Amino acid sequence: MDWSIVFINFVYAILGCTVTLVFMAAGFKLFDKITPFNTHDELQKGNQAVGTVVAAMIIGVGIAVGLVIGMGLN
């Protein structure tokens, strides 16, 4: 087994995870800017509708960026 390939794929996956987290944070900030209410305050109040939308947005961005990373490893 060539360990350099394993190491390069590991580094690529770590960088991909970092990029994914950055895009998720940016998506949350953008969502907070375009809505007429403060998303963080609504989540603290326990607003389940806002929580569901934020969760769906985070899952969607995670899947999209994860597919890009996964296809890059092939």
PDB file of N, CA and C in Angstrom:
ATOM      1  N   MET A   1       0.846  -1.170   0.000  1.00  0.00           N
ATOM      2  CA  MET A   1       0.000   0.000   0.000  1.00  0.00           C
ATOM      3  C   MET A   1       0.898   1.241   0.000  1.00  0.00           C
ATOM      4  N   ASP A   2       0.532   2.194  -0.830  1.00  0.00           N
ATOM      5  CA  ASP A   2       1.299   3.432  -0.916  1.00  0.00           C
ATOM      6  C   ASP A   2       0.742   4.421   0.113  1.00  0.00           C
ATOM      7  N   TRP A   3       1.492   4.705   1.146  1.00  0.00           N
ATOM      8  CA  TRP A   3       1.026   5.547   2.247  1.00  0.00           C
ATOM      9  C   TRP A   3       0.909   7.008   1.846  1.00  0.00           C
ATOM     10  N   SER A   4       1.623   7.427   0.808  1.00  0.00           N
ATOM     11  CA  SER A   4       1.511   8.825   0.385  1.00  0.00           C
ATOM     12  C   SER A   4       0.119   9.110  -0.175  1.00  0.00           C
ATOM     13  N   ILE A   5      -0.463   8.150  -0.871  1.00  0.00           N
ATOM     14  CA  ILE A   5      -1.818   8.330  -1.403  1.00  0.00           C
ATOM     15  C   ILE A   5      -2.824   8.398  -0.256  1.00  0.00           C
ATOM     16  N   VAL A   6      -2.652   7.548   0.743  1.00  0.00           N
ATOM     17  CA  VAL A   6      -3.532   7.559   1.908  1.00  0.00           C
ATOM     18  C   VAL A   6      -3.427   8.897   2.625  1.00  0.00           C
ATOM     19  N   PHE A   7      -2.209   9.386   2.796  1.00  0.00           N
ATOM     20  CA  PHE A   7      -2.000  10.658   3.482  1.00  0.00           C
ATOM     21  C   PHE A   7      -2.608  11.813   2.697  1.00  0.00           C
ATOM     22  N   ILE A   8      -2.420  11.833   1.395  1.00  0.00           N
ATOM     23  CA  ILE A   8      -2.980  12.903   0.564  1.00  0.00           C
ATOM     24  C   ILE A   8      -4.505  12.888   0.619  1.00  0.00           C
ATOM     25  N   ASN A   9      -5.112  11.706   0.576  1.00  0.00           N
ATOM     26  CA  ASN A   9      -6.569  11.614   0.684  1.00  0.00           C
ATOM     27  C   ASN A   9      -7.054  12.063   2.056  1.00  0.00           C
ATOM     28  N   PHE A  10      -6.300  11.747   3.106  1.00  0.00           N
ATOM     29  CA  PHE A  10      -6.670  12.180   4.452  1.00  0.00           C
ATOM     30  C   PHE A  10      -6.618  13.700   4.559  1.00  0.00           C
ATOM     31  N   VAL A  11      -5.555  14.299   4.046  1.00  0.00           N
ATOM     32  CA  VAL A  11      -5.427  15.765   4.077  1.00  0.00           C
ATOM     33  C   VAL A  11      -6.539  16.404   3.249  1.00  0.00           C
ATOM     34  N   TYR A  12      -6.844  15.820   2.102  1.00  0.00           N
ATOM     35  CA  TYR A  12      -7.907  16.337   1.255  1.00  0.00           C
ATOM     36  C   TYR A  12      -9.262  16.263   1.969  1.00  0.00           C
ATOM     37  N   ALA A  13      -9.508  15.184   2.695  1.00  0.00           N
ATOM     38  CA  ALA A  13     -10.763  15.048   3.426  1.00  0.00           C
ATOM     39  C   ALA A  13     -10.850  16.060   4.570  1.00  0.00           C
ATOM     40  N   ILE A  14      -9.748  16.286   5.272  1.00  0.00           N
ATOM     41  CA  ILE A  14      -9.747  17.272   6.358  1.00  0.00           C
ATOM     42  C   ILE A  14      -9.995  18.673   5.806  1.00  0.00           C
ATOM     43  N   LEU A  15      -9.330  19.009   4.704  1.00  0.00           N
ATOM     44  CA  LEU A  15      -9.558  20.315   4.079  1.00  0.00           C
ATOM     45  C   LEU A  15     -10.993  20.440   3.579  1.00  0.00           C
ATOM     46  N   GLY A  16     -11.526  19.357   3.048  1.00  0.00           N
ATOM     47  CA  GLY A  16     -12.913  19.365   2.591  1.00  0.00           C
ATOM     48  C   GLY A  16     -13.890  19.580   3.725  1.00  0.00           C
ATOM     49  N   CYS A  17     -13.625  18.963   4.869  1.00  0.00           N
ATOM     50  CA  CYS A  17     -14.483  19.168   6.043  1.00  0.00           C
ATOM     51  C   CYS A  17     -14.421  20.616   6.516  1.00  0.00           C
ATOM     52  N   THR A  18     -13.232  21.181   6.477  1.00  0.00           N
ATOM     53  CA  THR A  18     -13.070  22.575   6.887  1.00  0.00           C
ATOM     54  C   THR A  18     -13.841  23.502   5.948  1.00  0.00           C
ATOM     55  N   VAL A  19     -13.712  23.258   4.652  1.00  0.00           N
ATOM     56  CA  VAL A  19     -14.438  24.070   3.672  1.00  0.00           C
ATOM     57  C   VAL A  19     -15.946  23.907   3.867  1.00  0.00           C
ATOM     58  N   THR A  20     -16.401  22.694   4.136  1.00  0.00           N
ATOM     59  CA  THR A  20     -17.821  22.447   4.368  1.00  0.00           C
ATOM     60  C   THR A  20     -18.322  23.239   5.563  1.00  0.00           C
ATOM     61  N   LEU A  21     -17.576  23.229   6.664  1.00  0.00           N
ATOM     62  CA  LEU A  21     -17.984  23.981   7.849  1.00  0.00           C
ATOM     63  C   LEU A  21     -18.018  25.480   7.582  1.00  0.00           C
ATOM     64  N   VAL A  22     -17.067  25.970   6.805  1.00  0.00           N
ATOM     65  CA  VAL A  22     -17.054  27.399   6.458  1.00  0.00           C
ATOM     66  C   VAL A  22     -18.293  27.748   5.626  1.00  0.00           C
ATOM     67  N   PHE A  23     -18.624  26.908   4.655  1.00  0.00           N
ATOM     68  CA  PHE A  23     -19.805  27.167   3.839  1.00  0.00           C
ATOM     69  C   PHE A  23     -21.090  27.065   4.665  1.00  0.00           C
ATOM     70  N   MET A  24     -21.147  26.153   5.614  1.00  0.00           N
ATOM     71  CA  MET A  24     -22.324  26.055   6.477  1.00  0.00           C
ATOM     72  C   MET A  24     -22.486  27.316   7.323  1.00  0.00           C
ATOM     73  N   ALA A  25     -21.389  27.809   7.894  1.00  0.00           N
ATOM     74  CA  ALA A  25     -21.447  29.037   8.690  1.00  0.00           C
ATOM     75  C   ALA A  25     -21.846  30.223   7.821  1.00  0.00           C
ATOM     76  N   ALA A  26     -21.284  30.294   6.617  1.00  0.00           N
ATOM     77  CA  ALA A  26     -21.630  31.390   5.707  1.00  0.00           C
ATOM     78  C   ALA A  26     -23.098  31.312   5.299  1.00  0.00           C
ATOM     79  N   GLY A  27     -23.605  30.116   5.071  1.00  0.00           N
ATOM     80  CA  GLY A  27     -25.015  29.945   4.733  1.00  0.00           C
ATOM     81  C   GLY A  27     -25.931  30.373   5.862  1.00  0.00           C
ATOM     82  N   PHE A  28     -25.555  30.056   7.087  1.00  0.00           N
ATOM     83  CA  PHE A  28     -26.356  30.468   8.243  1.00  0.00           C
ATOM     84  C   PHE A  28     -26.348  31.985   8.367  1.00  0.00           C
ATOM     85  N   LYS A  29     -25.180  32.608   8.198  1.00  0.00           N
ATOM     86  CA  LYS A  29     -25.084  34.070   8.286  1.00  0.00           C
ATOM     87  C   LYS A  29     -25.918  34.730   7.183  1.00  0.00           C
ATOM     88  N   LEU A  30     -25.853  34.180   5.962  1.00  0.00           N
ATOM     89  CA  LEU A  30     -26.644  34.723   4.864  1.00  0.00           C
ATOM     90  C   LEU A  30     -28.136  34.570   5.145  1.00  0.00           C
ATOM     91  N   PHE A  31     -28.539  33.419   5.648  1.00  0.00           N
ATOM     92  CA  PHE A  31     -29.942  33.190   6.001  1.00  0.00           C
ATOM     93  C   PHE A  31     -30.387  34.172   7.068  1.00  0.00           C
ATOM     94  N   ASP A  32     -29.514  34.445   8.040  1.00  0.00           N
ATOM     95  CA  ASP A  32     -29.834  35.384   9.114  1.00  0.00           C
ATOM     96  C   ASP A  32     -29.992  36.801   8.560  1.00  0.00           C
ATOM     97  N   LYS A  33     -29.205  37.147   7.541  1.00  0.00           N
ATOM     98  CA  LYS A  33     -29.276  38.495   6.960  1.00  0.00           C
ATOM     99  C   LYS A  33     -30.541  38.695   6.124  1.00  0.00           C
ATOM    100  N   ILE A  34     -30.980  37.660   5.398  1.00  0.00           N
ATOM    101  CA  ILE A  34     -32.104  37.851   4.481  1.00  0.00           C
ATOM    102  C   ILE A  34     -33.470  37.668   5.153  1.00  0.00           C
ATOM    103  N   THR A  35     -33.501  37.152   6.362  1.00  0.00           N
ATOM    104  CA  THR A  35     -34.777  37.005   7.053  1.00  0.00           C
ATOM    105  C   THR A  35     -35.050  38.252   7.897  1.00  0.00           C
ATOM    106  N   PRO A  36     -36.318  38.600   8.084  1.00  0.00           N
ATOM    107  CA  PRO A  36     -36.630  39.817   8.838  1.00  0.00           C
ATOM    108  C   PRO A  36     -36.521  39.649  10.361  1.00  0.00           C
ATOM    109  N   PHE A  37     -36.153  38.483  10.821  1.00  0.00           N
ATOM    110  CA  PHE A  37     -36.026  38.234  12.251  1.00  0.00           C
ATOM    111  C   PHE A  37     -34.622  37.740  12.564  1.00  0.00           C
ATOM    112  N   ASN A  38     -34.261  37.767  13.842  1.00  0.00           N
ATOM    113  CA  ASN A  38     -32.954  37.283  14.266  1.00  0.00           C
ATOM    114  C   ASN A  38     -33.047  35.772  14.474  1.00  0.00           C
ATOM    115  N   THR A  39     -32.366  35.042  13.626  1.00  0.00           N
ATOM    116  CA  THR A  39     -32.446  33.579  13.650  1.00  0.00           C
ATOM    117  C   THR A  39     -31.953  33.019  14.977  1.00  0.00           C
ATOM    118  N   HIS A  40     -30.864  33.550  15.490  1.00  0.00           N
ATOM    119  CA  HIS A  40     -30.291  33.044  16.745  1.00  0.00           C
ATOM    120  C   HIS A  40     -31.278  33.222  17.895  1.00  0.00           C
ATOM    121  N   ASP A  41     -31.937  34.382  17.962  1.00  0.00           N
ATOM    122  CA  ASP A  41     -32.917  34.607  19.037  1.00  0.00           C
ATOM    123  C   ASP A  41     -34.114  33.671  18.899  1.00  0.00           C
ATOM    124  N   GLU A  42     -34.554  33.452  17.672  1.00  0.00           N
ATOM    125  CA  GLU A  42     -35.690  32.552  17.462  1.00  0.00           C
ATOM    126  C   GLU A  42     -35.341  31.112  17.846  1.00  0.00           C
ATOM    127  N   LEU A  43     -34.114  30.701  17.570  1.00  0.00           N
ATOM    128  CA  LEU A  43     -33.698  29.352  17.964  1.00  0.00           C
ATOM    129  C   LEU A  43     -33.616  29.235  19.480  1.00  0.00           C
ATOM    130  N   GLN A  44     -33.175  30.292  20.150  1.00  0.00           N
ATOM    131  CA  GLN A  44     -33.114  30.262  21.617  1.00  0.00           C
ATOM    132  C   GLN A  44     -34.509  30.209  22.226  1.00  0.00           C
ATOM    133  N   LYS A  45     -35.488  30.824  21.565  1.00  0.00           N
ATOM    134  CA  LYS A  45     -36.867  30.788  22.048  1.00  0.00           C
ATOM    135  C   LYS A  45     -37.502  29.414  21.839  1.00  0.00           C
ATOM    136  N   GLY A  46     -36.879  28.593  21.009  1.00  0.00           N
ATOM    137  CA  GLY A  46     -37.414  27.256  20.745  1.00  0.00           C
ATOM    138  C   GLY A  46     -38.338  27.205  19.551  1.00  0.00           C
ATOM    139  N   ASN A  47     -38.210  28.133  18.617  1.00  0.00           N
ATOM    140  CA  ASN A  47     -39.035  28.156  17.416  1.00  0.00           C
ATOM    141  C   ASN A  47     -38.652  26.963  16.535  1.00  0.00           C
ATOM    142  N   GLN A  48     -39.536  25.978  16.482  1.00  0.00           N
ATOM    143  CA  GLN A  48     -39.235  24.748  15.758  1.00  0.00           C
ATOM    144  C   GLN A  48     -39.237  24.931  14.254  1.00  0.00           C
ATOM    145  N   ALA A  49     -40.025  25.881  13.748  1.00  0.00           N
ATOM    146  CA  ALA A  49     -40.055  26.116  12.302  1.00  0.00           C
ATOM    147  C   ALA A  49     -38.705  26.655  11.829  1.00  0.00           C
ATOM    148  N   VAL A  50     -38.147  27.602  12.560  1.00  0.00           N
ATOM    149  CA  VAL A  50     -36.839  28.142  12.197  1.00  0.00           C
ATOM    150  C   VAL A  50     -35.775  27.065  12.343  1.00  0.00           C
ATOM    151  N   GLY A  51     -35.874  26.264  13.383  1.00  0.00           N
ATOM    152  CA  GLY A  51     -34.918  25.183  13.593  1.00  0.00           C
ATOM    153  C   GLY A  51     -34.938  24.164  12.462  1.00  0.00           C
ATOM    154  N   THR A  52     -36.123  23.854  11.974  1.00  0.00           N
ATOM    155  CA  THR A  52     -36.255  22.904  10.876  1.00  0.00           C
ATOM    156  C   THR A  52     -35.653  23.460   9.588  1.00  0.00           C
ATOM    157  N   VAL A  53     -35.895  24.741   9.322  1.00  0.00           N
ATOM    158  CA  VAL A  53     -35.351  25.362   8.111  1.00  0.00           C
ATOM    159  C   VAL A  53     -33.830  25.435   8.184  1.00  0.00           C
ATOM    160  N   VAL A  54     -33.289  25.820   9.327  1.00  0.00           N
ATOM    161  CA  VAL A  54     -31.831  25.903   9.487  1.00  0.00           C
ATOM    162  C   VAL A  54     -31.212  24.511   9.367  1.00  0.00           C
ATOM    163  N   ALA A  55     -31.849  23.511   9.965  1.00  0.00           N
ATOM    164  CA  ALA A  55     -31.325  22.144   9.872  1.00  0.00           C
ATOM    165  C   ALA A  55     -31.333  21.657   8.430  1.00  0.00           C
ATOM    166  N   ALA A  56     -32.410  21.933   7.700  1.00  0.00           N
ATOM    167  CA  ALA A  56     -32.485  21.517   6.300  1.00  0.00           C
ATOM    168  C   ALA A  56     -31.428  22.221   5.461  1.00  0.00           C
ATOM    169  N   MET A  57     -31.201  23.490   5.757  1.00  0.00           N
ATOM    170  CA  MET A  57     -30.187  24.245   5.020  1.00  0.00           C
ATOM    171  C   MET A  57     -28.794  23.679   5.289  1.00  0.00           C
ATOM    172  N   ILE A  58     -28.489  23.379   6.529  1.00  0.00           N
ATOM    173  CA  ILE A  58     -27.181  22.833   6.883  1.00  0.00           C
ATOM    174  C   ILE A  58     -26.984  21.444   6.270  1.00  0.00           C
ATOM    175  N   ILE A  59     -28.013  20.620   6.299  1.00  0.00           N
ATOM    176  CA  ILE A  59     -27.927  19.291   5.694  1.00  0.00           C
ATOM    177  C   ILE A  59     -27.722  19.404   4.189  1.00  0.00           C
ATOM    178  N   GLY A  60     -28.449  20.307   3.541  1.00  0.00           N
ATOM    179  CA  GLY A  60     -28.313  20.492   2.099  1.00  0.00           C
ATOM    180  C   GLY A  60     -26.928  20.951   1.692  1.00  0.00           C
ATOM    181  N   VAL A  61     -26.389  21.928   2.409  1.00  0.00           N
ATOM    182  CA  VAL A  61     -25.039  22.399   2.093  1.00  0.00           C
ATOM    183  C   VAL A  61     -24.029  21.292   2.361  1.00  0.00           C
ATOM    184  N   GLY A  62     -24.220  20.552   3.446  1.00  0.00           N
ATOM    185  CA  GLY A  62     -23.309  19.456   3.770  1.00  0.00           C
ATOM    186  C   GLY A  62     -23.303  18.369   2.709  1.00  0.00           C
ATOM    187  N   ILE A  63     -24.480  18.024   2.216  1.00  0.00           N
ATOM    188  CA  ILE A  63     -24.564  17.006   1.171  1.00  0.00           C
ATOM    189  C   ILE A  63     -23.914  17.502  -0.117  1.00  0.00           C
ATOM    190  N   ALA A  64     -24.202  18.753  -0.483  1.00  0.00           N
ATOM    191  CA  ALA A  64     -23.650  19.281  -1.733  1.00  0.00           C
ATOM    192  C   ALA A  64     -22.134  19.342  -1.692  1.00  0.00           C
ATOM    193  N   VAL A  65     -21.580  19.877  -0.632  1.00  0.00           N
ATOM    194  CA  VAL A  65     -20.129  19.986  -0.553  1.00  0.00           C
ATOM    195  C   VAL A  65     -19.515  18.599  -0.355  1.00  0.00           C
ATOM    196  N   GLY A  66     -20.186  17.728   0.382  1.00  0.00           N
ATOM    197  CA  GLY A  66     -19.689  16.364   0.572  1.00  0.00           C
ATOM    198  C   GLY A  66     -19.611  15.598  -0.734  1.00  0.00           C
ATOM    199  N   LEU A  67     -20.574  15.813  -1.617  1.00  0.00           N
ATOM    200  CA  LEU A  67     -20.516  15.160  -2.927  1.00  0.00           C
ATOM    201  C   LEU A  67     -19.342  15.672  -3.749  1.00  0.00           C
ATOM    202  N   VAL A  68     -19.089  16.958  -3.665  1.00  0.00           N
ATOM    203  CA  VAL A  68     -17.952  17.512  -4.399  1.00  0.00           C
ATOM    204  C   VAL A  68     -16.658  16.906  -3.868  1.00  0.00           C
ATOM    205  N   ILE A  69     -16.530  16.797  -2.554  1.00  0.00           N
ATOM    206  CA  ILE A  69     -15.327  16.219  -1.957  1.00  0.00           C
ATOM    207  C   ILE A  69     -15.217  14.743  -2.334  1.00  0.00           C
ATOM    208  N   GLY A  70     -16.316  14.013  -2.222  1.00  0.00           N
ATOM    209  CA  GLY A  70     -16.301  12.586  -2.541  1.00  0.00           C
ATOM    210  C   GLY A  70     -15.946  12.313  -3.981  1.00  0.00           C
ATOM    211  N   MET A  71     -16.457  13.141  -4.885  1.00  0.00           N
ATOM    212  CA  MET A  71     -16.131  12.934  -6.294  1.00  0.00           C
ATOM    213  C   MET A  71     -14.694  13.328  -6.578  1.00  0.00           C
ATOM    214  N   GLY A  72     -14.151  14.221  -5.788  1.00  0.00           N
ATOM    215  CA  GLY A  72     -12.749  14.597  -5.971  1.00  0.00           C
ATOM    216  C   GLY A  72     -11.803  13.511  -5.532  1.00  0.00           C
ATOM    217  N   LEU A  73     -12.226  12.639  -4.615  1.00  0.00           N
ATOM    218  CA  LEU A  73     -11.365  11.558  -4.152  1.00  0.00           C
ATOM    219  C   LEU A  73     -11.287  10.416  -5.141  1.00  0.00           C
ATOM    220  N   ASN A  74     -12.213  10.346  -6.077  1.00  0.00           N
ATOM    221  CA  ASN A  74     -12.215   9.242  -7.058  1.00  0.00           C
ATOM    222  C   ASN A  74     -11.246   9.485  -8.174  1.00  0.00           C
TER     223      ASN A  74
END
